[in-house]
Amino acid sequence: MLLQKTSYNSNTNRTRLVTNSHGTERTWNQAVMAPRPLSVVVPTYDETDNLRPLTMRLFAATRKAGIACDLLFADDESPGSPASRAIVQALQQEGYAVRLETRARSQGRGLSSAVLLGFARAAHETVVCMDADLQHEPESVPAVALPVLEGRADFSVGSRHVGGGGIGFAWSAVRVVISSGATLLARPLCASTDPMSGFFCTTKRVLARGEPRPRGFKIGLEVMVRCRCTTVADVPITFREREAGESKLSAKQNVEYVQQLAGLYWFAWRGEVLVVLVVALVLAAYGASLVLSF
């Protein structure tokens, strides 16, 4: 499978300002183009305190960028779900295009399946996935989405590992080692410098090319591999410290990641593996026949 990687820096896509008859400044792109539609899907589990600031920051950023945004919180039922519902209803009354869909425990669990369900129910063709904990800055959504919105990539990743990207707080040595090791294990599978990132953009058309399996937390990697994303754009982001709530990462997720990797390697390389096995069997059979002939 041929993979192509591009890096995109929003700082190089400067647009000049124009002033309309009312003295309001707009970018040139906004003056001549209709807003581009984009759905943002945010998986949540007991993230009540982050919903309002995420929504307000996201819509401020997308309006400024000339993007018509639809926000969907894909919520797994938790003790915070009733309060989350009340917050979203208040935001709707304030005019925000935001929805919350809560999945009962009996209907399924897990971040990856929540994201895929959210994509299926998203209002627009182009979809972004980001975390609810504000470690992914809402202000970065337009830059992450732009390569896909402009048709230059079928998948774009908010990456910590390209120029201009990074981590905005101190990580422990253990976390650095775990993250670096997990990234190295996944790099042969895809073209992104940050295959562990949960901040990405793609389209429903791309998603329809494959059948991503909802296991573990790394749904972006799953989509890149199983949907055969050949043009991947890395967009620099700064990964911030969680602002409220608690991390959901556990040892169980680490085990599921290893299992996910095994499945993805088999999916990506099974043809080559089968060829090697067939060649090995043929050589073994030929060697056995030579031995028997003497």
Protein backbone atom coordinates (compact mmCIF):
# COMPACT_ATOMS: atom_id res chain seq x y z
CA MET A 1 0.00 0.00 0.00
CA LEU A 2 1.46 3.36 -1.08
CA LEU A 3 1.35 5.94 1.68
CA GLN A 4 1.89 9.65 1.19
CA LYS A 5 2.54 12.04 4.05
CA THR A 6 2.36 15.80 3.98
CA SER A 7 2.90 18.33 6.74
CA TYR A 8 0.66 21.36 6.91
CA ASN A 9 1.24 24.53 8.90
CA SER A 10 -1.71 26.87 9.16
CA ASN A 11 0.70 29.80 9.52
CA THR A 12 1.57 29.46 5.82
CA ASN A 13 -2.07 29.81 4.73
CA ARG A 14 -2.41 33.49 5.51
CA THR A 15 -5.44 35.32 4.11
CA ARG A 16 -5.69 39.07 3.78
CA LEU A 17 -8.45 41.01 5.51
CA VAL A 18 -11.18 42.92 3.69
CA THR A 19 -13.61 45.44 5.16
CA ASN A 20 -17.27 45.45 4.17
CA SER A 21 -19.58 48.48 4.02
CA HIS A 22 -20.28 48.15 7.74
CA GLY A 23 -16.61 48.34 8.63
CA THR A 24 -16.46 44.68 9.70
CA GLU A 25 -13.23 42.90 8.90
CA ARG A 26 -13.38 39.44 7.33
CA THR A 27 -10.76 37.27 5.71
CA TRP A 28 -10.71 37.25 1.94
CA ASN A 29 -11.69 33.57 1.93
CA GLN A 30 -14.73 34.34 4.11
CA ALA A 31 -15.72 37.20 1.83
CA VAL A 32 -15.86 35.07 -1.31
CA MET A 33 -16.73 31.60 0.01
CA ALA A 34 -19.74 30.16 1.79
CA PRO A 35 -19.00 28.60 5.19
CA ARG A 36 -17.62 25.09 4.85
CA PRO A 37 -19.62 22.46 6.77
CA LEU A 38 -17.83 20.39 9.41
CA SER A 39 -19.04 17.99 12.10
CA VAL A 40 -17.00 17.63 15.29
CA VAL A 41 -17.51 14.44 17.31
CA VAL A 42 -16.32 14.40 20.92
CA PRO A 43 -16.53 11.12 22.88
CA THR A 44 -17.34 11.74 26.53
CA TYR A 45 -17.57 9.84 29.77
CA ASP A 46 -18.19 11.97 32.87
CA GLU A 47 -16.68 15.11 31.29
CA THR A 48 -19.41 17.51 32.47
CA ASP A 49 -17.11 20.37 33.49
CA ASN A 50 -15.48 20.57 30.06
CA LEU A 51 -18.56 20.69 27.83
CA ARG A 52 -19.34 24.41 28.05
CA PRO A 53 -15.79 25.78 27.62
CA LEU A 54 -15.10 23.33 24.78
CA THR A 55 -18.30 24.35 22.97
CA MET A 56 -17.75 28.08 23.33
CA ARG A 57 -14.09 27.93 22.28
CA LEU A 58 -14.83 25.62 19.33
CA PHE A 59 -17.59 27.76 17.85
CA ALA A 60 -15.56 30.94 18.30
CA ALA A 61 -12.68 29.33 16.38
CA THR A 62 -14.78 27.83 13.59
CA ARG A 63 -16.80 31.01 13.04
CA LYS A 64 -13.57 32.97 12.70
CA ALA A 65 -12.32 30.43 10.15
CA GLY A 66 -15.51 30.50 8.06
CA ILE A 67 -16.59 26.98 9.03
CA ALA A 68 -20.21 25.99 9.70
CA CYS A 69 -19.76 23.64 12.64
CA ASP A 70 -22.01 20.94 14.06
CA LEU A 71 -20.90 19.54 17.45
CA LEU A 72 -21.92 16.11 18.72
CA PHE A 73 -20.99 14.81 22.16
CA ALA A 74 -21.06 11.00 21.93
CA ASP A 75 -21.65 10.25 25.59
CA ASP A 76 -21.31 6.91 27.35
CA GLU A 77 -23.73 6.88 30.26
CA SER A 78 -22.06 7.98 33.51
CA PRO A 79 -22.98 9.66 36.81
CA GLY A 80 -22.38 12.98 35.04
CA SER A 81 -24.74 12.33 32.12
CA PRO A 82 -27.81 14.13 33.55
CA ALA A 83 -25.76 17.27 34.28
CA SER A 84 -24.14 17.03 30.82
CA ARG A 85 -27.58 16.89 29.23
CA ALA A 86 -28.67 20.01 31.11
CA ILE A 87 -25.56 21.90 30.00
CA VAL A 88 -26.06 20.97 26.34
CA GLN A 89 -29.73 21.97 26.47
CA ALA A 90 -28.69 25.37 27.84
CA LEU A 91 -26.11 25.73 25.07
CA GLN A 92 -28.76 24.90 22.46
CA GLN A 93 -30.99 27.63 23.86
CA GLU A 94 -28.07 30.03 23.49
CA GLY A 95 -27.92 29.22 19.78
CA TYR A 96 -25.08 26.69 19.58
CA ALA A 97 -25.44 23.84 17.06
CA VAL A 98 -24.59 21.19 19.65
CA ARG A 99 -26.10 17.80 20.47
CA LEU A 100 -25.52 15.16 23.12
CA GLU A 101 -26.41 11.54 22.50
CA THR A 102 -26.09 9.32 25.55
CA ARG A 103 -25.58 5.60 25.08
CA ALA A 104 -26.92 3.40 27.85
CA ARG A 105 -24.55 0.87 29.38
CA SER A 106 -26.61 -1.97 27.88
CA GLN A 107 -26.07 -0.51 24.38
CA GLY A 108 -22.26 -0.62 24.47
CA ARG A 109 -19.20 1.07 25.92
CA GLY A 110 -15.84 2.38 24.83
CA LEU A 111 -14.28 5.43 23.21
CA SER A 112 -13.74 3.93 19.75
CA SER A 113 -17.27 2.64 19.34
CA ALA A 114 -18.62 5.98 20.60
CA VAL A 115 -16.59 7.84 17.96
CA LEU A 116 -17.76 5.58 15.13
CA LEU A 117 -21.37 5.93 16.28
CA GLY A 118 -20.91 9.70 16.37
CA PHE A 119 -19.47 9.74 12.85
CA ALA A 120 -22.48 7.78 11.59
CA ARG A 121 -24.84 10.33 13.13
CA ALA A 122 -22.86 13.43 12.21
CA ALA A 123 -24.67 16.03 10.13
CA HIS A 124 -21.88 16.69 7.61
CA GLU A 125 -19.60 14.72 5.27
CA THR A 126 -16.33 15.93 6.82
CA VAL A 127 -15.84 14.87 10.43
CA VAL A 128 -13.34 15.68 13.18
CA CYS A 129 -12.66 13.66 16.32
CA MET A 130 -11.17 15.34 19.38
CA ASP A 131 -10.98 14.68 23.12
CA ALA A 132 -13.35 16.25 25.63
CA ASP A 133 -10.69 17.05 28.22
CA LEU A 134 -9.35 20.16 26.39
CA GLN A 135 -5.94 18.59 25.89
CA HIS A 136 -6.81 19.07 22.23
CA GLU A 137 -7.27 22.81 21.88
CA PRO A 138 -10.58 23.71 20.15
CA GLU A 139 -8.76 26.58 18.45
CA SER A 140 -6.75 24.00 16.47
CA VAL A 141 -9.82 22.39 14.87
CA PRO A 142 -9.86 24.62 11.73
CA ALA A 143 -6.18 23.93 11.01
CA VAL A 144 -6.55 20.18 11.55
CA ALA A 145 -9.63 20.04 9.31
CA LEU A 146 -8.34 22.27 6.51
CA PRO A 147 -6.31 19.69 4.49
CA VAL A 148 -9.40 17.46 4.28
CA LEU A 149 -11.84 20.33 3.66
CA GLU A 150 -9.64 21.52 0.79
CA GLY A 151 -9.35 18.01 -0.68
CA ARG A 152 -5.56 17.81 -0.25
CA ALA A 153 -5.71 14.81 2.09
CA ASP A 154 -8.15 12.05 2.92
CA PHE A 155 -6.99 12.03 6.54
CA SER A 156 -5.34 14.70 8.70
CA VAL A 157 -3.82 14.34 12.15
CA GLY A 158 -3.19 16.84 14.92
CA SER A 159 0.43 15.89 15.54
CA ARG A 160 2.78 16.64 18.43
CA HIS A 161 5.77 15.47 16.41
CA VAL A 162 6.06 17.92 13.51
CA GLY A 163 7.55 21.40 13.48
CA GLY A 164 5.45 23.75 15.56
CA GLY A 165 3.84 20.93 17.53
CA GLY A 166 4.63 19.66 20.99
CA ILE A 167 3.47 19.03 24.54
CA GLY A 168 2.49 22.01 26.65
CA PHE A 169 3.22 20.53 30.07
CA ALA A 170 5.73 18.28 31.81
CA TRP A 171 5.29 14.55 31.23
CA SER A 172 6.66 11.97 33.62
CA ALA A 173 9.57 9.85 32.36
CA VAL A 174 7.35 6.75 32.46
CA ARG A 175 4.71 8.37 30.28
CA VAL A 176 7.33 9.55 27.78
CA VAL A 177 8.74 6.03 27.47
CA ILE A 178 5.30 4.42 27.08
CA SER A 179 4.15 6.96 24.48
CA SER A 180 7.39 6.77 22.49
CA GLY A 181 7.34 2.98 22.47
CA ALA A 182 3.69 2.82 21.41
CA THR A 183 4.35 5.33 18.62
CA LEU A 184 7.34 3.37 17.29
CA LEU A 185 5.30 0.17 17.22
CA ALA A 186 2.60 1.83 15.10
CA ARG A 187 4.76 3.86 12.70
CA PRO A 188 5.19 1.08 10.07
CA LEU A 189 1.40 0.92 9.71
CA CYS A 190 0.68 4.50 8.66
CA ALA A 191 2.20 7.70 7.29
CA SER A 192 1.53 9.95 10.29
CA THR A 193 4.25 11.05 12.69
CA ASP A 194 1.72 10.77 15.55
CA PRO A 195 -0.34 7.59 15.06
CA MET A 196 -1.37 7.71 18.72
CA SER A 197 -3.23 11.00 18.26
CA GLY A 198 -6.97 11.07 18.90
CA PHE A 199 -7.28 14.45 17.15
CA PHE A 200 -7.99 13.84 13.47
CA CYS A 201 -10.20 14.65 10.49
CA THR A 202 -11.55 12.54 7.64
CA THR A 203 -14.75 12.06 5.64
CA LYS A 204 -17.64 9.63 5.65
CA ARG A 205 -16.60 8.57 2.15
CA VAL A 206 -13.21 7.47 3.48
CA LEU A 207 -14.82 5.68 6.42
CA ALA A 208 -17.00 3.72 4.00
CA ARG A 209 -13.87 2.26 2.34
CA GLY A 210 -13.20 -0.05 5.28
CA GLU A 211 -14.59 -1.50 8.45
CA PRO A 212 -12.81 0.00 11.48
CA ARG A 213 -13.08 -2.20 14.54
CA PRO A 214 -13.97 -0.36 17.76
CA ARG A 215 -11.34 -1.69 20.13
CA GLY A 216 -9.39 0.42 22.62
CA PHE A 217 -8.66 4.14 22.41
CA LYS A 218 -6.68 4.48 19.16
CA ILE A 219 -9.52 4.89 16.69
CA GLY A 220 -7.50 7.27 14.48
CA LEU A 221 -4.87 4.60 13.82
CA GLU A 222 -7.63 2.07 13.20
CA VAL A 223 -9.27 4.27 10.57
CA MET A 224 -5.96 5.13 8.84
CA VAL A 225 -5.08 1.46 8.38
CA ARG A 226 -8.40 -0.26 7.73
CA CYS A 227 -9.78 2.52 5.52
CA ARG A 228 -6.51 2.62 3.55
CA CYS A 229 -5.80 6.32 3.95
CA THR A 230 -3.09 6.97 1.38
CA THR A 231 -2.78 10.75 1.74
CA VAL A 232 -2.21 11.76 5.35
CA ALA A 233 -1.48 15.34 6.44
CA ASP A 234 0.17 16.08 9.79
CA VAL A 235 -0.85 19.41 11.33
CA PRO A 236 1.15 20.72 14.30
CA ILE A 237 -0.73 21.02 17.59
CA THR A 238 0.22 21.60 21.20
CA PHE A 239 -1.06 18.87 23.49
CA ARG A 240 -2.25 20.56 26.69
CA GLU A 241 -2.76 19.41 30.25
CA ARG A 242 -6.23 18.17 31.20
CA GLU A 243 -8.27 21.05 32.63
CA ALA A 244 -10.96 19.14 34.55
CA GLY A 245 -12.05 15.58 35.30
CA GLU A 246 -9.92 12.46 35.42
CA SER A 247 -8.00 10.48 32.80
CA LYS A 248 -9.68 7.26 31.61
CA LEU A 249 -6.38 5.59 30.60
CA SER A 250 -5.67 2.30 32.39
CA ALA A 251 -3.60 -0.86 32.09
CA LYS A 252 -6.54 -2.45 30.28
CA GLN A 253 -6.21 0.09 27.46
CA ASN A 254 -2.51 -0.77 27.10
CA VAL A 255 -3.37 -4.46 26.67
CA GLU A 256 -6.10 -3.60 24.16
CA TYR A 257 -3.61 -1.47 22.21
CA VAL A 258 -1.26 -4.43 21.78
CA GLN A 259 -4.17 -6.58 20.64
CA GLN A 260 -5.25 -3.85 18.23
CA LEU A 261 -1.75 -3.60 16.78
CA ALA A 262 -1.63 -7.35 16.17
CA GLY A 263 -4.89 -7.18 14.24
CA LEU A 264 -3.77 -4.16 12.21
CA TYR A 265 -0.43 -5.71 11.27
CA TRP A 266 -2.22 -8.84 10.07
CA PHE A 267 -4.69 -6.71 8.09
CA ALA A 268 -1.95 -4.61 6.48
CA TRP A 269 0.62 -7.33 5.81
CA ARG A 270 -1.30 -10.59 5.60
CA GLY A 271 -0.68 -10.88 1.86
CA GLU A 272 3.08 -10.69 2.34
CA VAL A 273 2.93 -13.09 5.30
CA LEU A 274 0.97 -15.64 3.28
CA VAL A 275 3.44 -15.40 0.39
CA VAL A 276 6.36 -16.05 2.76
CA LEU A 277 4.54 -19.03 4.27
CA VAL A 278 3.75 -20.52 0.84
CA VAL A 279 7.36 -20.06 -0.32
CA ALA A 280 8.60 -21.66 2.90
CA LEU A 281 6.28 -24.64 2.43
CA VAL A 282 7.33 -25.08 -1.22
CA LEU A 283 11.02 -24.98 -0.27
CA ALA A 284 10.42 -27.42 2.58
CA ALA A 285 8.57 -29.81 0.27
CA TYR A 286 11.32 -29.53 -2.36
CA GLY A 287 14.00 -30.18 0.25
CA ALA A 288 12.09 -33.20 1.56
CA SER A 289 11.79 -34.63 -1.98
CA LEU A 290 15.54 -34.26 -2.49
CA VAL A 291 16.23 -36.11 0.74
CA LEU A 292 13.83 -38.92 -0.17
CA SER A 293 15.35 -39.29 -3.65
CA PHE A 294 18.73 -40.34 -2.23
